[in-house]
Amino acid sequence: MLQVGLQDSGRYCDGLRRRSFLRIGVAGMASAGLGAVLRAKELSAAAGMAKRDTSVILLWLDGGPGHMDMYDMKPEAPAEYRGIWSPIATNVPGMEVTELFPLQAKIADRFSIVRSLHHNSGDHFTGGHWMLTGRDGVSGANTAGKYPFFGSIATRVTGPRQNGMPANVAVPYASSIGLRPGYFGGNYLGPQENPFETEGDPNAKTFQVRNIGLQGNLTIERLENRRQLTSQFDAMRRRMEHSRTVAAMDKFDLQAFEMVTGEKARQAFDISREDESTRDMYGRHTWGQGVLLARRLVEAGTTFVTCHFAGWDHHWDLQKGMENYLPKVDQAVHGLFTDLTRRGLYDKVLVVLCGEFSRTPKMNNGGNGGAPLSMGTPGRDHWGNAMFCLLGGGGVKGGRLVGSTNRLGEVPQDRPLRPGDIHHTIYQVLGVDPHIHFPNLQGRPVPAIDHGEPIAELF
């Protein structure tokens, strides 16, 4: 294996030590390198699939955000259902959002809301696995992931949109329900398909992504010596003429090598290059600056970026939690759509906002088994029977409501949709064939998605 000496990013929970995305070569058939990713992209194009220059930013609300308090309010329902806040009108007739989203209300024509999403599980792990892989099969008693993250499948096919950038990134890390990378992992595609994690706090003055630096014994000048590199490849080919790994040592690996010879990635990760007014628009907090970093990455050529927003498990004291979190989400979402639009990126970048499930339509008494209100204000418990997903940009139409729930927000009333429908929609934006197969650990070919179809109302 050819490997450039890079800064070590530490040991991951899968027991493997990754030296970030700036790694070249293969280690046998079990570990396809960046070359394999780029090769899949070319083969897909050869198969007649539409070539796209689109990207996705997934805002992942880890812990389960409640639809009744955000995008599917029920002001006519009894008090214990309708909750604490009132809805406000948006710039789209008939679409309302919580009063804690005044900024999004001004740009609702930029996004659409699916209100009839469901997978019917109130288990954090089951719900997370459904939403991030499109399949059942795990629970709180058996949390190990069984399938790859749908973003990992997509970027395995597409690679990055620009050479020199990682295809799949998580800000600040890939985590689902406390598992890292959890259901964001590549699973049987291999750990090389896990998202590259920036780590750190993009709102900190000292923020930097340490995984993209070179060790002192190497220089860019040495790495850019293409003649030397080519001669090394030629020598390796001669030594491995009869090896099955020789197929990976080709022009695709040379493209991967460009990730360390250029400035593109280092500049994209340097959020300090942004002007102060833009940073203020996203919000001077970790979530807002993480979303701004995501915009920088997709603009530079990353295909899929996940921003991790944790802490949505509000079984009690819902008011305090939501009045802290929702204004930050409002700033970040408004800032992102506004920025994408003014930079001419709105039609190239799909924004998705969701979590693993929703919260119970009926609020509890705030006691958590004790006296009512003893834990603060009432909260909401786990609910996967009705949930929301926000989508906008990348060719997805804004200002639309897809599906609805019944008068108490308990279940879909019309146009019930499942996680696979969301994934089909995302794959259509990215130009990924949803029927593509990859072998699992037993060698059985498994399709990328096994249910659903693109949501026609959004195109």
Protein backbone atom coordinates (compact mmCIF):
# COMPACT_ATOMS: atom_id res chain seq x y z
CA MET A 1 0.00 0.00 0.00
CA LEU A 2 1.23 3.48 -0.85
CA GLN A 3 0.58 5.82 2.07
CA VAL A 4 1.57 9.45 2.53
CA GLY A 5 2.77 10.37 6.01
CA LEU A 6 -0.02 12.45 7.52
CA GLN A 7 -1.13 13.65 10.91
CA ASP A 8 -2.89 10.90 12.83
CA SER A 9 -6.52 11.51 13.75
CA GLY A 10 -6.62 9.00 16.60
CA ARG A 11 -8.31 5.65 16.99
CA TYR A 12 -11.96 5.35 15.98
CA CYS A 13 -14.49 3.22 17.80
CA ASP A 14 -14.24 0.57 15.06
CA GLY A 15 -10.71 -0.11 16.27
CA LEU A 16 -9.09 1.21 13.12
CA ARG A 17 -6.74 4.15 13.01
CA ARG A 18 -7.58 6.59 10.22
CA ARG A 19 -5.14 9.15 8.85
CA SER A 20 -8.03 11.17 7.48
CA PHE A 21 -9.20 11.22 3.89
CA LEU A 22 -5.69 12.09 2.72
CA ARG A 23 -4.68 8.46 2.33
CA ILE A 24 -3.79 6.69 -0.87
CA GLY A 25 -3.81 3.12 -2.05
CA VAL A 26 -5.39 -0.19 -1.14
CA ALA A 27 -4.85 -2.84 1.51
CA GLY A 28 -6.19 -5.90 -0.24
CA MET A 29 -9.70 -6.39 -1.53
CA ALA A 30 -11.27 -5.65 1.86
CA SER A 31 -10.28 -1.99 1.85
CA ALA A 32 -11.13 -0.11 -1.31
CA GLY A 33 -9.32 3.22 -1.37
CA LEU A 34 -10.27 6.53 -2.91
CA GLY A 35 -9.45 5.15 -6.31
CA ALA A 36 -12.31 2.69 -6.02
CA VAL A 37 -14.66 5.51 -5.17
CA LEU A 38 -13.62 7.48 -8.23
CA ARG A 39 -13.85 4.39 -10.39
CA ALA A 40 -17.44 3.80 -9.28
CA LYS A 41 -18.24 7.33 -10.35
CA GLU A 42 -16.90 6.71 -13.85
CA LEU A 43 -18.67 3.38 -14.20
CA SER A 44 -21.98 4.99 -13.21
CA ALA A 45 -21.54 7.59 -15.92
CA ALA A 46 -20.73 4.86 -18.44
CA ALA A 47 -23.97 3.11 -17.50
CA GLY A 48 -25.93 6.12 -18.72
CA MET A 49 -26.83 7.70 -15.36
CA ALA A 50 -27.39 11.43 -15.38
CA LYS A 51 -24.26 13.30 -14.41
CA ARG A 52 -24.96 15.80 -11.65
CA ASP A 53 -23.00 18.51 -9.92
CA THR A 54 -25.20 18.53 -6.84
CA SER A 55 -24.52 18.10 -3.15
CA VAL A 56 -26.43 17.49 0.09
CA ILE A 57 -26.22 19.12 3.50
CA LEU A 58 -27.97 17.01 6.14
CA LEU A 59 -28.83 18.78 9.39
CA TRP A 60 -29.22 15.87 11.79
CA LEU A 61 -31.22 16.60 14.97
CA ASP A 62 -29.96 13.73 17.09
CA GLY A 63 -32.39 12.67 19.80
CA GLY A 64 -35.69 13.25 18.04
CA PRO A 65 -37.27 16.69 17.40
CA GLY A 66 -41.03 17.03 17.90
CA HIS A 67 -43.12 17.82 14.82
CA MET A 68 -45.89 19.41 16.93
CA ASP A 69 -43.51 22.10 18.23
CA MET A 70 -41.82 22.94 14.92
CA TYR A 71 -43.39 22.39 11.50
CA ASP A 72 -46.73 20.64 12.10
CA MET A 73 -48.47 22.59 14.82
CA LYS A 74 -52.06 21.87 15.78
CA PRO A 75 -53.47 25.09 17.25
CA GLU A 76 -57.04 23.70 17.33
CA ALA A 77 -56.06 20.57 19.29
CA PRO A 78 -56.54 20.30 23.07
CA ALA A 79 -53.92 22.14 25.15
CA GLU A 80 -52.02 19.00 26.13
CA TYR A 81 -51.50 18.27 22.41
CA ARG A 82 -50.97 21.68 20.84
CA GLY A 83 -48.14 22.52 23.20
CA ILE A 84 -46.57 25.71 24.47
CA TRP A 85 -46.01 27.88 21.39
CA SER A 86 -48.27 29.37 18.74
CA PRO A 87 -47.89 29.01 14.98
CA ILE A 88 -47.03 31.97 12.76
CA ALA A 89 -47.70 32.51 9.08
CA THR A 90 -44.88 32.22 6.56
CA ASN A 91 -44.39 33.83 3.16
CA VAL A 92 -46.13 30.76 1.69
CA PRO A 93 -49.94 30.90 2.02
CA GLY A 94 -51.22 28.04 4.16
CA MET A 95 -47.84 27.11 5.59
CA GLU A 96 -47.25 27.82 9.27
CA VAL A 97 -44.28 27.21 11.55
CA THR A 98 -43.64 27.73 15.24
CA GLU A 99 -43.29 31.30 16.50
CA LEU A 100 -39.71 30.38 17.43
CA PHE A 101 -38.91 30.27 13.68
CA PRO A 102 -39.46 33.91 12.63
CA LEU A 103 -36.50 33.88 10.23
CA GLN A 104 -37.56 30.72 8.44
CA ALA A 105 -41.06 32.14 8.12
CA LYS A 106 -39.59 34.78 5.79
CA ILE A 107 -38.03 32.22 3.41
CA ALA A 108 -40.49 29.31 3.49
CA ASP A 109 -40.64 29.46 -0.29
CA ARG A 110 -37.09 28.06 -0.21
CA PHE A 111 -38.01 24.75 1.45
CA SER A 112 -40.79 22.18 1.64
CA ILE A 113 -42.03 20.11 4.57
CA VAL A 114 -42.97 16.44 4.51
CA ARG A 115 -45.49 16.06 7.33
CA SER A 116 -46.47 12.43 6.82
CA LEU A 117 -43.15 10.67 7.33
CA HIS A 118 -43.21 7.63 9.63
CA HIS A 119 -41.47 4.37 10.48
CA ASN A 120 -43.57 3.51 13.56
CA SER A 121 -40.72 2.95 16.01
CA GLY A 122 -40.17 4.79 19.27
CA ASP A 123 -36.75 3.23 19.84
CA HIS A 124 -33.87 5.69 19.33
CA PHE A 125 -31.65 3.08 17.70
CA THR A 126 -34.33 1.54 15.51
CA GLY A 127 -35.43 5.00 14.40
CA GLY A 128 -31.90 6.17 13.71
CA HIS A 129 -31.14 3.05 11.69
CA TRP A 130 -34.35 3.52 9.70
CA MET A 131 -33.64 7.15 8.89
CA LEU A 132 -29.93 6.78 8.13
CA THR A 133 -29.86 3.40 6.37
CA GLY A 134 -33.47 2.96 5.23
CA ARG A 135 -33.88 -0.38 6.99
CA ASP A 136 -35.01 -2.02 10.22
CA GLY A 137 -32.97 -4.54 12.16
CA VAL A 138 -31.54 -2.88 15.28
CA SER A 139 -32.86 -1.89 18.70
CA GLY A 140 -31.70 -0.62 22.06
CA ALA A 141 -30.86 -4.22 22.93
CA ASN A 142 -28.88 -4.80 19.72
CA THR A 143 -27.45 -1.52 18.49
CA ALA A 144 -24.82 -2.66 15.97
CA GLY A 145 -25.57 -1.25 12.51
CA LYS A 146 -26.43 -3.70 9.76
CA TYR A 147 -26.39 -1.50 6.65
CA PRO A 148 -24.42 1.48 5.33
CA PHE A 149 -25.41 5.10 5.78
CA PHE A 150 -27.30 6.22 2.67
CA GLY A 151 -24.83 9.10 2.30
CA SER A 152 -21.93 6.65 2.29
CA ILE A 153 -23.57 4.68 -0.52
CA ALA A 154 -24.16 7.87 -2.48
CA THR A 155 -20.59 9.12 -2.15
CA ARG A 156 -19.21 5.67 -2.88
CA VAL A 157 -20.89 6.07 -6.27
CA THR A 158 -20.28 9.75 -6.95
CA GLY A 159 -17.02 10.49 -5.21
CA PRO A 160 -16.40 14.19 -4.57
CA ARG A 161 -17.70 16.76 -7.02
CA GLN A 162 -14.23 18.27 -7.27
CA ASN A 163 -10.88 16.52 -7.05
CA GLY A 164 -8.97 17.46 -3.96
CA MET A 165 -12.01 17.37 -1.66
CA PRO A 166 -13.38 14.60 0.59
CA ALA A 167 -16.68 13.21 -0.68
CA ASN A 168 -18.39 12.61 2.68
CA VAL A 169 -17.84 14.84 5.72
CA ALA A 170 -19.38 15.13 9.20
CA VAL A 171 -19.25 18.37 11.21
CA PRO A 172 -18.02 18.06 13.90
CA TYR A 173 -18.37 14.28 13.98
CA ALA A 174 -20.50 11.39 12.75
CA SER A 175 -22.67 10.24 15.64
CA SER A 176 -26.09 8.67 15.92
CA ILE A 177 -27.65 8.14 19.34
CA GLY A 178 -24.25 8.22 21.02
CA LEU A 179 -22.68 5.72 18.60
CA ARG A 180 -19.74 6.99 16.57
CA PRO A 181 -19.85 6.70 13.62
CA GLY A 182 -22.94 4.65 14.40
CA TYR A 183 -25.43 4.52 11.55
CA PHE A 184 -23.39 7.08 9.61
CA GLY A 185 -20.79 4.38 9.04
CA GLY A 186 -19.95 2.55 5.83
CA ASN A 187 -20.70 -0.83 7.46
CA TYR A 188 -20.04 -3.56 4.87
CA LEU A 189 -18.81 -0.97 2.35
CA GLY A 190 -15.79 -0.63 4.61
CA PRO A 191 -14.59 1.97 7.12
CA GLN A 192 -13.10 4.04 4.31
CA GLU A 193 -16.70 5.05 3.51
CA ASN A 194 -17.27 6.52 6.97
CA PRO A 195 -17.59 10.31 6.90
CA PHE A 196 -14.44 12.31 7.43
CA GLU A 197 -14.91 14.07 10.78
CA THR A 198 -13.73 17.64 11.28
CA GLU A 199 -13.95 17.42 15.09
CA GLY A 200 -13.53 20.58 17.14
CA ASP A 201 -15.85 23.58 17.43
CA PRO A 202 -16.10 25.68 14.24
CA ASN A 203 -17.25 28.59 16.41
CA ALA A 204 -13.97 28.62 18.34
CA LYS A 205 -11.34 31.19 17.39
CA THR A 206 -8.70 28.47 17.35
CA PHE A 207 -10.71 26.02 15.21
CA GLN A 208 -8.74 24.08 12.66
CA VAL A 209 -9.03 20.65 11.09
CA ARG A 210 -5.84 18.96 12.18
CA ASN A 211 -6.32 15.88 9.98
CA ILE A 212 -5.25 17.63 6.78
CA GLY A 213 -1.71 18.64 7.67
CA LEU A 214 1.47 17.03 6.43
CA GLN A 215 4.09 15.60 8.74
CA GLY A 216 7.40 17.42 8.93
CA ASN A 217 9.25 14.79 6.90
CA LEU A 218 7.19 15.54 3.76
CA THR A 219 6.66 18.66 1.70
CA ILE A 220 4.14 19.65 -0.93
CA GLU A 221 7.00 19.99 -3.39
CA ARG A 222 7.97 16.38 -2.92
CA LEU A 223 4.40 15.21 -3.28
CA GLU A 224 3.92 17.24 -6.42
CA ASN A 225 6.80 15.53 -8.16
CA ARG A 226 4.58 13.66 -10.59
CA ARG A 227 7.45 11.96 -12.35
CA GLN A 228 8.67 10.45 -9.09
CA LEU A 229 5.14 9.37 -8.17
CA THR A 230 4.54 7.80 -11.56
CA SER A 231 7.79 5.88 -11.37
CA GLN A 232 6.76 4.53 -7.96
CA PHE A 233 3.46 3.34 -9.37
CA ASP A 234 5.21 1.73 -12.33
CA ALA A 235 7.59 -0.11 -10.02
CA MET A 236 4.70 -1.31 -7.85
CA ARG A 237 2.82 -2.53 -10.92
CA ARG A 238 5.82 -4.53 -12.05
CA ARG A 239 6.20 -6.11 -8.61
CA MET A 240 2.50 -6.90 -8.39
CA GLU A 241 1.86 -7.88 -11.96
CA HIS A 242 -0.17 -10.92 -10.93
CA SER A 243 -1.79 -9.39 -7.86
CA ARG A 244 -5.53 -8.70 -7.66
CA THR A 245 -4.74 -5.31 -6.13
CA VAL A 246 -2.99 -4.01 -9.24
CA ALA A 247 -6.32 -2.77 -10.63
CA ALA A 248 -6.51 -0.13 -7.92
CA MET A 249 -3.11 1.36 -8.72
CA ASP A 250 -4.24 3.43 -11.69
CA LYS A 251 -5.19 6.94 -12.68
CA PHE A 252 -7.94 7.06 -10.07
CA ASP A 253 -5.38 6.81 -7.29
CA LEU A 254 -3.44 9.60 -8.94
CA GLN A 255 -6.59 11.74 -8.73
CA ALA A 256 -6.90 10.83 -5.08
CA PHE A 257 -3.30 11.88 -4.56
CA GLU A 258 -4.20 15.39 -5.68
CA MET A 259 -5.98 15.85 -2.38
CA VAL A 260 -2.63 16.36 -0.69
CA THR A 261 -0.88 18.30 -3.42
CA GLY A 262 -3.38 21.16 -3.67
CA GLU A 263 -4.74 23.88 -1.42
CA LYS A 264 -8.44 23.27 -2.12
CA ALA A 265 -9.28 21.24 0.98
CA ARG A 266 -7.20 23.31 3.36
CA GLN A 267 -8.82 26.50 2.14
CA ALA A 268 -12.33 25.07 2.28
CA PHE A 269 -11.92 24.00 5.90
CA ASP A 270 -10.56 27.43 6.89
CA ILE A 271 -13.75 29.11 8.11
CA SER A 272 -11.79 32.18 9.19
CA ARG A 273 -11.80 33.23 5.54
CA GLU A 274 -15.50 34.12 5.83
CA ASP A 275 -16.47 37.74 6.37
CA GLU A 276 -17.95 38.70 9.73
CA SER A 277 -21.42 39.54 8.42
CA THR A 278 -21.83 36.11 6.88
CA ARG A 279 -20.72 34.42 10.09
CA ASP A 280 -23.19 36.53 12.04
CA MET A 281 -26.01 35.58 9.69
CA TYR A 282 -25.54 31.86 10.43
CA GLY A 283 -25.33 32.51 14.17
CA ARG A 284 -22.25 32.76 16.36
CA HIS A 285 -22.71 29.35 17.92
CA THR A 286 -21.42 25.88 17.18
CA TRP A 287 -24.43 24.84 15.12
CA GLY A 288 -24.52 27.97 13.00
CA GLN A 289 -20.81 27.96 12.26
CA GLY A 290 -20.92 24.23 11.53
CA VAL A 291 -23.56 24.85 8.87
CA LEU A 292 -21.48 27.67 7.40
CA LEU A 293 -18.53 25.27 7.21
CA ALA A 294 -20.80 22.78 5.42
CA ARG A 295 -21.62 25.44 2.82
CA ARG A 296 -17.92 26.10 2.30
CA LEU A 297 -17.30 22.39 1.76
CA VAL A 298 -20.04 21.77 -0.79
CA GLU A 299 -19.05 24.93 -2.63
CA ALA A 300 -15.50 23.58 -2.88
CA GLY A 301 -16.65 20.17 -4.12
CA THR A 302 -17.69 17.91 -1.24
CA THR A 303 -20.75 15.84 -2.15
CA PHE A 304 -22.33 15.09 1.25
CA VAL A 305 -21.97 16.96 4.55
CA THR A 306 -23.75 16.07 7.79
CA CYS A 307 -24.04 18.64 10.58
CA HIS A 308 -24.66 17.02 13.95
CA PHE A 309 -27.05 18.85 16.32
CA ALA A 310 -27.42 16.82 19.52
CA GLY A 311 -29.69 17.04 22.56
CA TRP A 312 -33.29 16.65 21.35
CA ASP A 313 -34.48 14.00 23.83
CA HIS A 314 -36.87 16.29 25.75
CA HIS A 315 -38.92 14.00 27.97
CA TRP A 316 -39.35 16.89 30.38
CA ASP A 317 -38.59 20.61 30.59
CA LEU A 318 -39.38 20.88 26.91
CA GLN A 319 -39.83 24.63 27.06
CA LYS A 320 -36.31 25.35 28.27
CA GLY A 321 -34.75 23.01 25.74
CA MET A 322 -36.68 24.21 22.73
CA GLU A 323 -36.32 27.89 23.56
CA ASN A 324 -32.57 27.29 23.60
CA TYR A 325 -32.34 25.13 20.47
CA LEU A 326 -35.00 26.40 18.07
CA PRO A 327 -33.64 29.94 17.65
CA LYS A 328 -30.25 28.43 16.77
CA VAL A 329 -31.84 26.13 14.20
CA ASP A 330 -33.81 29.11 12.86
CA GLN A 331 -30.65 31.15 12.37
CA ALA A 332 -28.71 28.31 10.79
CA VAL A 333 -31.45 27.25 8.36
CA HIS A 334 -32.28 30.83 7.38
CA GLY A 335 -28.59 31.66 6.98
CA LEU A 336 -27.93 28.60 4.85
CA PHE A 337 -30.80 29.08 2.40
CA THR A 338 -30.11 32.81 2.16
CA ASP A 339 -26.42 32.23 1.54
CA LEU A 340 -26.96 29.43 -0.99
CA THR A 341 -29.37 31.65 -2.91
CA ARG A 342 -27.15 34.69 -3.08
CA ARG A 343 -24.10 32.63 -4.05
CA GLY A 344 -25.96 30.90 -6.89
CA LEU A 345 -25.82 27.50 -5.17
CA TYR A 346 -29.49 27.00 -4.28
CA ASP A 347 -30.23 24.77 -7.27
CA LYS A 348 -27.08 22.71 -6.67
CA VAL A 349 -27.34 21.99 -2.93
CA LEU A 350 -30.14 20.03 -1.26
CA VAL A 351 -30.70 20.84 2.42
CA VAL A 352 -32.33 18.15 4.56
CA LEU A 353 -33.39 18.61 8.21
CA CYS A 354 -34.64 15.67 10.29
CA GLY A 355 -33.96 13.37 13.24
CA GLU A 356 -34.50 9.71 14.07
CA PHE A 357 -38.14 10.15 15.11
CA SER A 358 -40.53 12.71 16.56
CA ARG A 359 -42.13 13.20 19.98
CA THR A 360 -45.51 12.16 21.31
CA PRO A 361 -48.36 14.43 20.18
CA LYS A 362 -49.73 14.43 23.73
CA MET A 363 -47.44 16.03 26.28
CA ASN A 364 -46.64 14.29 29.56
CA ASN A 365 -47.00 15.90 32.99
CA GLY A 366 -43.33 16.80 33.46
CA GLY A 367 -42.87 14.42 36.36
CA ASN A 368 -40.97 11.50 34.85
CA GLY A 369 -42.68 9.17 37.34
CA GLY A 370 -42.68 11.72 40.17
CA ALA A 371 -45.03 14.55 40.99
CA PRO A 372 -46.34 16.53 38.00
CA LEU A 373 -43.94 19.29 36.92
CA SER A 374 -41.27 18.03 39.33
CA MET A 375 -38.83 17.84 36.39
CA GLY A 376 -39.81 21.22 35.01
CA THR A 377 -42.30 21.90 32.26
CA PRO A 378 -44.05 18.97 30.54
CA GLY A 379 -42.22 17.16 27.81
CA ARG A 380 -42.87 14.74 24.99
CA ASP A 381 -41.79 11.12 24.72
CA HIS A 382 -40.69 8.94 21.77
CA TRP A 383 -42.88 8.77 18.67
CA GLY A 384 -42.14 7.32 15.24
CA ASN A 385 -45.72 7.15 13.97
CA ALA A 386 -45.68 10.70 12.59
CA MET A 387 -42.65 12.90 11.96
CA PHE A 388 -41.37 15.62 9.65
CA CYS A 389 -38.57 16.18 7.18
CA LEU A 390 -37.58 19.55 5.68
CA LEU A 391 -36.11 19.55 2.19
CA GLY A 392 -35.14 22.38 -0.13
CA GLY A 393 -32.69 23.26 -2.88
CA GLY A 394 -30.83 21.04 -5.31
CA GLY A 395 -33.79 20.97 -7.68
CA VAL A 396 -36.34 20.25 -4.94
CA LYS A 397 -39.19 22.74 -5.04
CA GLY A 398 -39.81 25.01 -2.08
CA GLY A 399 -43.01 26.22 -0.47
CA ARG A 400 -44.81 22.88 -0.54
CA LEU A 401 -46.47 20.78 2.14
CA VAL A 402 -46.39 17.05 1.41
CA GLY A 403 -48.82 14.87 3.34
CA SER A 404 -50.59 15.66 6.58
CA THR A 405 -51.31 14.17 9.98
CA ASN A 406 -54.67 13.73 11.70
CA ARG A 407 -56.12 16.47 13.88
CA LEU A 408 -54.05 15.40 16.90
CA GLY A 409 -50.83 14.87 14.97
CA GLU A 410 -50.74 11.17 15.80
CA VAL A 411 -50.49 9.43 12.42
CA PRO A 412 -50.38 10.33 8.73
CA GLN A 413 -53.77 11.33 7.40
CA ASP A 414 -52.81 11.36 3.74
CA ARG A 415 -49.77 10.63 1.58
CA PRO A 416 -47.94 8.48 4.16
CA LEU A 417 -44.21 8.35 3.39
CA ARG A 418 -41.33 6.28 4.72
CA PRO A 419 -37.56 6.77 5.01
CA GLY A 420 -36.97 5.13 1.64
CA ASP A 421 -39.02 7.84 -0.06
CA ILE A 422 -36.70 10.46 1.44
CA HIS A 423 -33.63 8.51 0.33
CA HIS A 424 -34.99 8.05 -3.22
CA THR A 425 -35.54 11.79 -3.39
CA ILE A 426 -31.99 12.52 -2.24
CA TYR A 427 -30.53 10.01 -4.70
CA GLN A 428 -32.48 11.59 -7.54
CA VAL A 429 -30.94 14.95 -6.65
CA LEU A 430 -27.44 13.42 -6.58
CA GLY A 431 -27.87 11.32 -9.71
CA VAL A 432 -27.35 8.03 -7.87
CA ASP A 433 -29.04 4.87 -9.12
CA PRO A 434 -31.18 3.68 -6.15
CA HIS A 435 -31.05 0.12 -7.46
CA ILE A 436 -27.27 -0.17 -7.36
CA HIS A 437 -26.12 -3.22 -5.39
CA PHE A 438 -23.17 -3.75 -3.06
CA PRO A 439 -22.19 -7.09 -1.48
CA ASN A 440 -22.69 -7.42 2.27
CA LEU A 441 -20.28 -9.27 4.55
CA GLN A 442 -21.73 -12.57 3.40
CA GLY A 443 -21.22 -11.66 -0.24
CA ARG A 444 -24.93 -11.22 -0.95
CA PRO A 445 -25.74 -8.23 -3.19
CA VAL A 446 -27.92 -5.70 -1.37
CA PRO A 447 -29.70 -2.84 -3.17
CA ALA A 448 -29.07 0.71 -1.98
CA ILE A 449 -32.79 1.20 -1.23
CA ASP A 450 -35.43 -1.51 -0.86
CA HIS A 451 -38.64 0.55 -0.70
CA GLY A 452 -40.20 3.83 -1.75
CA GLU A 453 -39.78 6.19 -4.68
CA PRO A 454 -38.87 9.84 -5.26
CA ILE A 455 -41.43 12.25 -3.84
CA ALA A 456 -42.97 13.55 -7.06
CA GLU A 457 -44.51 16.67 -5.50
CA LEU A 458 -41.04 18.00 -4.76
CA PHE A 459 -39.82 18.05 -8.39
